[in-house]
């Protein structure tokens, strides 16, 4: 079995750099369902000091952060994110 192609998936170094060099993440699809991956990932990112902004049609507060229905609304309220996680 061969490893993943770094041209498609990046490397461990790339992942580390992304986590170290970013502060504000928009997570599309992040709602208050603890069974969804986005919920768990957002919790992990916050534990690493990241600000995680939910982008979800209901614009719910998730993990203490106000959500927004669209990326446009979130950008107007919060500013430009470092990462948009789809």
Protein backbone atom coordinates (compact mmCIF):
# COMPACT_ATOMS: atom_id res chain seq x y z
CA UNK A 1 0.00 0.00 0.00
CA UNK A 2 1.35 3.42 -0.91
CA UNK A 3 1.02 6.67 1.00
CA UNK A 4 -1.27 9.50 0.02
CA UNK A 5 -0.18 11.73 -2.83
CA UNK A 6 1.03 15.00 -1.21
CA UNK A 7 0.02 16.92 -4.35
CA UNK A 8 -3.59 16.04 -3.56
CA UNK A 9 -3.63 15.93 0.22
CA UNK A 10 -0.63 17.95 1.40
CA UNK A 11 1.95 16.87 3.92
CA UNK A 12 2.17 16.78 7.69
CA UNK A 13 4.32 19.91 7.47
CA UNK A 14 1.62 21.72 5.49
CA UNK A 15 -1.04 20.73 8.02
CA UNK A 16 1.15 21.92 10.90
CA UNK A 17 1.79 25.25 9.17
CA UNK A 18 -1.92 25.77 8.53
CA UNK A 19 -2.72 25.12 12.18
CA UNK A 20 0.09 27.36 13.43
CA UNK A 21 -0.41 30.29 11.05
CA UNK A 22 -4.18 30.75 11.20
CA UNK A 23 -6.51 32.31 13.75
CA UNK A 24 -10.00 32.68 12.26
CA UNK A 25 -11.82 29.78 10.62
CA UNK A 26 -15.24 29.82 8.96
CA UNK A 27 -16.75 26.32 9.08
CA UNK A 28 -19.54 25.84 6.55
CA UNK A 29 -22.22 23.46 7.82
CA UNK A 30 -21.36 23.92 11.50
CA UNK A 31 -24.48 23.62 13.62
CA UNK A 32 -25.29 22.33 17.10
CA UNK A 33 -25.36 18.63 16.25
CA UNK A 34 -22.60 16.92 18.29
CA UNK A 35 -22.84 13.85 16.05
CA UNK A 36 -21.51 15.79 13.03
CA UNK A 37 -17.81 15.92 12.25
CA UNK A 38 -17.88 19.71 11.87
CA UNK A 39 -19.02 20.08 15.50
CA UNK A 40 -16.15 17.96 16.83
CA UNK A 41 -13.56 19.59 14.55
CA UNK A 42 -14.69 23.06 15.63
CA UNK A 43 -14.34 22.06 19.27
CA UNK A 44 -10.80 20.80 18.61
CA UNK A 45 -9.85 23.97 16.75
CA UNK A 46 -11.15 26.15 19.60
CA UNK A 47 -9.11 24.10 22.07
CA UNK A 48 -6.07 25.10 19.97
CA UNK A 49 -6.93 28.79 20.32
CA UNK A 50 -8.67 29.25 16.96
CA UNK A 51 -11.76 31.39 16.52
CA UNK A 52 -14.34 29.23 14.75
CA UNK A 53 -17.29 30.95 13.09
CA UNK A 54 -20.27 28.75 12.16
CA UNK A 55 -21.74 29.19 8.68
CA UNK A 56 -25.14 27.55 8.75
CA UNK A 57 -28.60 28.58 7.46
CA UNK A 58 -30.05 28.86 10.98
CA UNK A 59 -27.16 31.11 12.10
CA UNK A 60 -26.96 29.33 15.46
CA UNK A 61 -24.52 30.09 18.26
CA UNK A 62 -22.13 27.13 18.37
CA UNK A 63 -19.39 26.69 20.98
CA UNK A 64 -20.06 30.27 22.10
CA UNK A 65 -19.60 31.84 18.64
CA UNK A 66 -22.44 33.53 16.78
CA UNK A 67 -23.20 31.76 13.52
CA UNK A 68 -24.06 33.37 10.20
CA UNK A 69 -26.27 32.15 7.39
CA UNK A 70 -23.73 32.98 4.68
CA UNK A 71 -20.01 33.57 4.26
CA UNK A 72 -20.85 37.09 3.08
CA UNK A 73 -22.70 37.87 6.34
CA UNK A 74 -19.88 36.42 8.43
CA UNK A 75 -17.23 38.39 6.55
CA UNK A 76 -19.19 41.62 7.04
CA UNK A 77 -19.46 40.97 10.79
CA UNK A 78 -16.11 39.33 11.60
CA UNK A 79 -13.77 40.22 8.76
CA UNK A 80 -11.87 38.01 6.35
CA UNK A 81 -11.12 34.51 7.67
CA UNK A 82 -7.77 32.78 7.40
CA UNK A 83 -9.48 29.51 6.41
CA UNK A 84 -12.90 28.54 5.03
CA UNK A 85 -13.57 24.89 5.83
CA UNK A 86 -16.16 23.32 3.59
